[in-house]
Amino acid sequence: MAYLWIKTFHIVFVIAWMASVFYLPRILINIAEAGDAPVVRERLALMGKRLYSFGHMMFGLAAILGVVLWMQYGVVGAWLHAKLGLVALLIVYFIVCGGMLKRAAAGAALPSAKALRWINELPVLLLVAIVYLVLAKPF
């Protein structure tokens, strides 16, 4: 019974983290499109900062529960290594987006809105691969 509760909360926290992973680049796009409207840029930067903090908390909780699942219940397999590698890429992506947000809040230029839209698609591809690995456990 505990296994199901731990797994449930792990998935819920992963979903919450992924929401921040998906939305943070949208905030960056809006900042890039805000142009010379400092009030709008400041508001978006504040929203991004709060979202980034929320994402860190959700990832931390998901990671703790994932470690519990791994250590306590013996969740193992080569698929898990591949999944963790892709999760590591998502973490790097999230940190890079956070860095762009901090630079934008300090007044630095961002990539174009079009480039940010392309960047925004990367986590979708990683998430599809992660979900496939978890469900199919192909190796």
C-alpha atoms as a PDB file:
ATOM      1  CA  MET A   1       0.000   0.000   0.000  1.00  0.00           C
ATOM      2  CA  ALA A   2       2.817   2.428   0.850  1.00  0.00           C
ATOM      3  CA  TYR A   3       4.388   1.697  -2.540  1.00  0.00           C
ATOM      4  CA  LEU A   4       1.287   2.946  -4.361  1.00  0.00           C
ATOM      5  CA  TRP A   5       1.120   6.135  -2.289  1.00  0.00           C
ATOM      6  CA  ILE A   6       4.807   6.883  -2.802  1.00  0.00           C
ATOM      7  CA  LYS A   7       4.520   6.212  -6.528  1.00  0.00           C
ATOM      8  CA  THR A   8       1.359   8.347  -6.738  1.00  0.00           C
ATOM      9  CA  PHE A   9       3.028  11.331  -5.093  1.00  0.00           C
ATOM     10  CA  HIS A  10       6.172  10.825  -7.158  1.00  0.00           C
ATOM     11  CA  ILE A  11       4.084  11.066 -10.331  1.00  0.00           C
ATOM     12  CA  VAL A  12       2.128  14.091  -9.049  1.00  0.00           C
ATOM     13  CA  PHE A  13       5.341  15.962  -8.219  1.00  0.00           C
ATOM     14  CA  VAL A  14       6.838  15.019 -11.602  1.00  0.00           C
ATOM     15  CA  ILE A  15       3.727  16.428 -13.310  1.00  0.00           C
ATOM     16  CA  ALA A  16       4.021  19.643 -11.294  1.00  0.00           C
ATOM     17  CA  TRP A  17       7.708  19.946 -12.196  1.00  0.00           C
ATOM     18  CA  MET A  18       6.987  19.292 -15.869  1.00  0.00           C
ATOM     19  CA  ALA A  19       4.380  22.057 -15.814  1.00  0.00           C
ATOM     20  CA  SER A  20       7.119  24.469 -14.766  1.00  0.00           C
ATOM     21  CA  VAL A  21       9.517  23.007 -17.331  1.00  0.00           C
ATOM     22  CA  PHE A  22       6.921  23.628 -20.055  1.00  0.00           C
ATOM     23  CA  TYR A  23       5.789  27.074 -18.895  1.00  0.00           C
ATOM     24  CA  LEU A  24       9.113  28.724 -18.063  1.00  0.00           C
ATOM     25  CA  PRO A  25      10.128  29.025 -21.744  1.00  0.00           C
ATOM     26  CA  ARG A  26       6.688  30.545 -22.498  1.00  0.00           C
ATOM     27  CA  ILE A  27       7.471  33.270 -19.968  1.00  0.00           C
ATOM     28  CA  LEU A  28      10.812  33.808 -21.709  1.00  0.00           C
ATOM     29  CA  ILE A  29       8.997  34.139 -25.049  1.00  0.00           C
ATOM     30  CA  ASN A  30       6.672  36.743 -23.543  1.00  0.00           C
ATOM     31  CA  ILE A  31       9.644  38.653 -22.119  1.00  0.00           C
ATOM     32  CA  ALA A  32      11.319  38.588 -25.533  1.00  0.00           C
ATOM     33  CA  GLU A  33       8.129  39.910 -27.135  1.00  0.00           C
ATOM     34  CA  ALA A  34       7.551  42.584 -24.454  1.00  0.00           C
ATOM     35  CA  GLY A  35      10.120  44.832 -26.092  1.00  0.00           C
ATOM     36  CA  ASP A  36      10.722  48.072 -24.233  1.00  0.00           C
ATOM     37  CA  ALA A  37       7.862  47.732 -21.752  1.00  0.00           C
ATOM     38  CA  PRO A  38       9.746  47.586 -18.429  1.00  0.00           C
ATOM     39  CA  VAL A  39       6.657  47.091 -16.286  1.00  0.00           C
ATOM     40  CA  VAL A  40       5.608  44.077 -18.352  1.00  0.00           C
ATOM     41  CA  ARG A  41       9.135  42.664 -18.376  1.00  0.00           C
ATOM     42  CA  GLU A  42       9.419  43.063 -14.590  1.00  0.00           C
ATOM     43  CA  ARG A  43       6.077  41.351 -14.002  1.00  0.00           C
ATOM     44  CA  LEU A  44       7.016  38.456 -16.296  1.00  0.00           C
ATOM     45  CA  ALA A  45      10.447  38.157 -14.659  1.00  0.00           C
ATOM     46  CA  LEU A  46       8.783  37.944 -11.235  1.00  0.00           C
ATOM     47  CA  MET A  47       6.370  35.298 -12.502  1.00  0.00           C
ATOM     48  CA  GLY A  48       9.300  33.376 -13.965  1.00  0.00           C
ATOM     49  CA  LYS A  49      11.279  33.603 -10.731  1.00  0.00           C
ATOM     50  CA  ARG A  50       8.354  32.238  -8.725  1.00  0.00           C
ATOM     51  CA  LEU A  51       7.749  29.474 -11.263  1.00  0.00           C
ATOM     52  CA  TYR A  52      11.431  28.543 -11.254  1.00  0.00           C
ATOM     53  CA  SER A  53      11.398  28.257  -7.437  1.00  0.00           C
ATOM     54  CA  PHE A  54       8.208  26.186  -7.572  1.00  0.00           C
ATOM     55  CA  GLY A  55       9.814  23.905 -10.165  1.00  0.00           C
ATOM     56  CA  HIS A  56      12.848  23.372  -7.958  1.00  0.00           C
ATOM     57  CA  MET A  57      10.660  22.363  -5.017  1.00  0.00           C
ATOM     58  CA  MET A  58       8.559  19.990  -7.111  1.00  0.00           C
ATOM     59  CA  PHE A  59      11.634  18.385  -8.645  1.00  0.00           C
ATOM     60  CA  GLY A  60      13.193  17.948  -5.210  1.00  0.00           C
ATOM     61  CA  LEU A  61      10.118  16.175  -3.874  1.00  0.00           C
ATOM     62  CA  ALA A  62       9.833  14.004  -7.000  1.00  0.00           C
ATOM     63  CA  ALA A  63      13.518  13.082  -6.763  1.00  0.00           C
ATOM     64  CA  ILE A  64      13.305  12.167  -3.074  1.00  0.00           C
ATOM     65  CA  LEU A  65      10.320   9.907  -3.709  1.00  0.00           C
ATOM     66  CA  GLY A  66      12.033   8.425  -6.762  1.00  0.00           C
ATOM     67  CA  VAL A  67      15.046   7.519  -4.640  1.00  0.00           C
ATOM     68  CA  VAL A  68      12.726   5.949  -2.050  1.00  0.00           C
ATOM     69  CA  LEU A  69      11.098   3.868  -4.781  1.00  0.00           C
ATOM     70  CA  TRP A  70      14.486   2.817  -6.061  1.00  0.00           C
ATOM     71  CA  MET A  71      16.040   1.971  -2.699  1.00  0.00           C
ATOM     72  CA  GLN A  72      13.033   0.610  -0.835  1.00  0.00           C
ATOM     73  CA  TYR A  73      11.191  -1.280  -3.528  1.00  0.00           C
ATOM     74  CA  GLY A  74      13.970  -2.360  -5.878  1.00  0.00           C
ATOM     75  CA  VAL A  75      12.901  -0.470  -8.987  1.00  0.00           C
ATOM     76  CA  VAL A  76      15.833  -1.297 -11.290  1.00  0.00           C
ATOM     77  CA  GLY A  77      16.723  -2.045 -14.871  1.00  0.00           C
ATOM     78  CA  ALA A  78      18.749  -0.697 -17.750  1.00  0.00           C
ATOM     79  CA  TRP A  79      15.685   1.311 -18.795  1.00  0.00           C
ATOM     80  CA  LEU A  80      16.014   3.203 -15.496  1.00  0.00           C
ATOM     81  CA  HIS A  81      19.543   4.318 -16.398  1.00  0.00           C
ATOM     82  CA  ALA A  82      18.332   5.582 -19.766  1.00  0.00           C
ATOM     83  CA  LYS A  83      15.386   7.335 -18.102  1.00  0.00           C
ATOM     84  CA  LEU A  84      17.654   8.990 -15.532  1.00  0.00           C
ATOM     85  CA  GLY A  85      19.942  10.154 -18.327  1.00  0.00           C
ATOM     86  CA  LEU A  86      17.004  11.833 -20.066  1.00  0.00           C
ATOM     87  CA  VAL A  87      15.834  13.312 -16.757  1.00  0.00           C
ATOM     88  CA  ALA A  88      19.354  14.730 -16.316  1.00  0.00           C
ATOM     89  CA  LEU A  89      18.976  16.419 -19.716  1.00  0.00           C
ATOM     90  CA  LEU A  90      15.650  17.896 -18.567  1.00  0.00           C
ATOM     91  CA  ILE A  91      17.346  19.211 -15.426  1.00  0.00           C
ATOM     92  CA  VAL A  92      20.055  20.870 -17.526  1.00  0.00           C
ATOM     93  CA  TYR A  93      17.337  22.338 -19.781  1.00  0.00           C
ATOM     94  CA  PHE A  94      15.467  23.715 -16.751  1.00  0.00           C
ATOM     95  CA  ILE A  95      18.642  25.247 -15.313  1.00  0.00           C
ATOM     96  CA  VAL A  96      19.556  26.823 -18.662  1.00  0.00           C
ATOM     97  CA  CYS A  97      16.059  28.350 -18.901  1.00  0.00           C
ATOM     98  CA  GLY A  98      16.459  29.632 -15.333  1.00  0.00           C
ATOM     99  CA  GLY A  99      19.761  31.214 -16.310  1.00  0.00           C
ATOM    100  CA  MET A 100      18.144  32.909 -19.298  1.00  0.00           C
ATOM    101  CA  LEU A 101      15.418  34.203 -16.995  1.00  0.00           C
ATOM    102  CA  LYS A 102      17.966  35.648 -14.547  1.00  0.00           C
ATOM    103  CA  ARG A 103      19.885  37.320 -17.366  1.00  0.00           C
ATOM    104  CA  ALA A 104      16.663  38.721 -18.853  1.00  0.00           C
ATOM    105  CA  ALA A 105      15.642  40.087 -15.439  1.00  0.00           C
ATOM    106  CA  ALA A 106      19.020  41.839 -15.300  1.00  0.00           C
ATOM    107  CA  GLY A 107      18.345  43.452 -18.683  1.00  0.00           C
ATOM    108  CA  ALA A 108      20.299  41.115 -20.954  1.00  0.00           C
ATOM    109  CA  ALA A 109      18.947  40.198 -24.353  1.00  0.00           C
ATOM    110  CA  LEU A 110      17.239  36.881 -24.965  1.00  0.00           C
ATOM    111  CA  PRO A 111      17.271  34.759 -28.094  1.00  0.00           C
ATOM    112  CA  SER A 112      14.519  35.659 -30.540  1.00  0.00           C
ATOM    113  CA  ALA A 113      10.937  34.648 -29.742  1.00  0.00           C
ATOM    114  CA  LYS A 114      11.082  32.251 -32.686  1.00  0.00           C
ATOM    115  CA  ALA A 115      14.240  30.574 -31.349  1.00  0.00           C
ATOM    116  CA  LEU A 116      12.667  30.343 -27.896  1.00  0.00           C
ATOM    117  CA  ARG A 117       9.608  28.661 -29.425  1.00  0.00           C
ATOM    118  CA  TRP A 118      11.877  25.990 -30.904  1.00  0.00           C
ATOM    119  CA  ILE A 119      13.699  25.631 -27.603  1.00  0.00           C
ATOM    120  CA  ASN A 120      10.286  25.182 -25.940  1.00  0.00           C
ATOM    121  CA  GLU A 121       9.690  21.958 -27.913  1.00  0.00           C
ATOM    122  CA  LEU A 122      12.702  20.048 -26.591  1.00  0.00           C
ATOM    123  CA  PRO A 123      11.191  18.946 -23.255  1.00  0.00           C
ATOM    124  CA  VAL A 124       8.176  17.455 -25.032  1.00  0.00           C
ATOM    125  CA  LEU A 125      10.438  15.096 -26.951  1.00  0.00           C
ATOM    126  CA  LEU A 126      12.363  14.168 -23.816  1.00  0.00           C
ATOM    127  CA  LEU A 127       9.149  13.562 -21.877  1.00  0.00           C
ATOM    128  CA  VAL A 128       7.768  11.245 -24.565  1.00  0.00           C
ATOM    129  CA  ALA A 129      10.969   9.206 -24.470  1.00  0.00           C
ATOM    130  CA  ILE A 130      10.925   9.081 -20.648  1.00  0.00           C
ATOM    131  CA  VAL A 131       7.300   7.953 -20.486  1.00  0.00           C
ATOM    132  CA  TYR A 132       7.984   5.290 -23.131  1.00  0.00           C
ATOM    133  CA  LEU A 133      10.942   3.951 -21.158  1.00  0.00           C
ATOM    134  CA  VAL A 134       8.909   3.799 -17.946  1.00  0.00           C
ATOM    135  CA  LEU A 135       5.955   2.057 -19.549  1.00  0.00           C
ATOM    136  CA  ALA A 136       7.687  -0.285 -21.994  1.00  0.00           C
ATOM    137  CA  LYS A 137      10.885  -1.012 -20.027  1.00  0.00           C
ATOM    138  CA  PRO A 138      12.419  -2.074 -23.365  1.00  0.00           C
ATOM    139  CA  PHE A 139      15.723  -3.236 -21.873  1.00  0.00           C
END
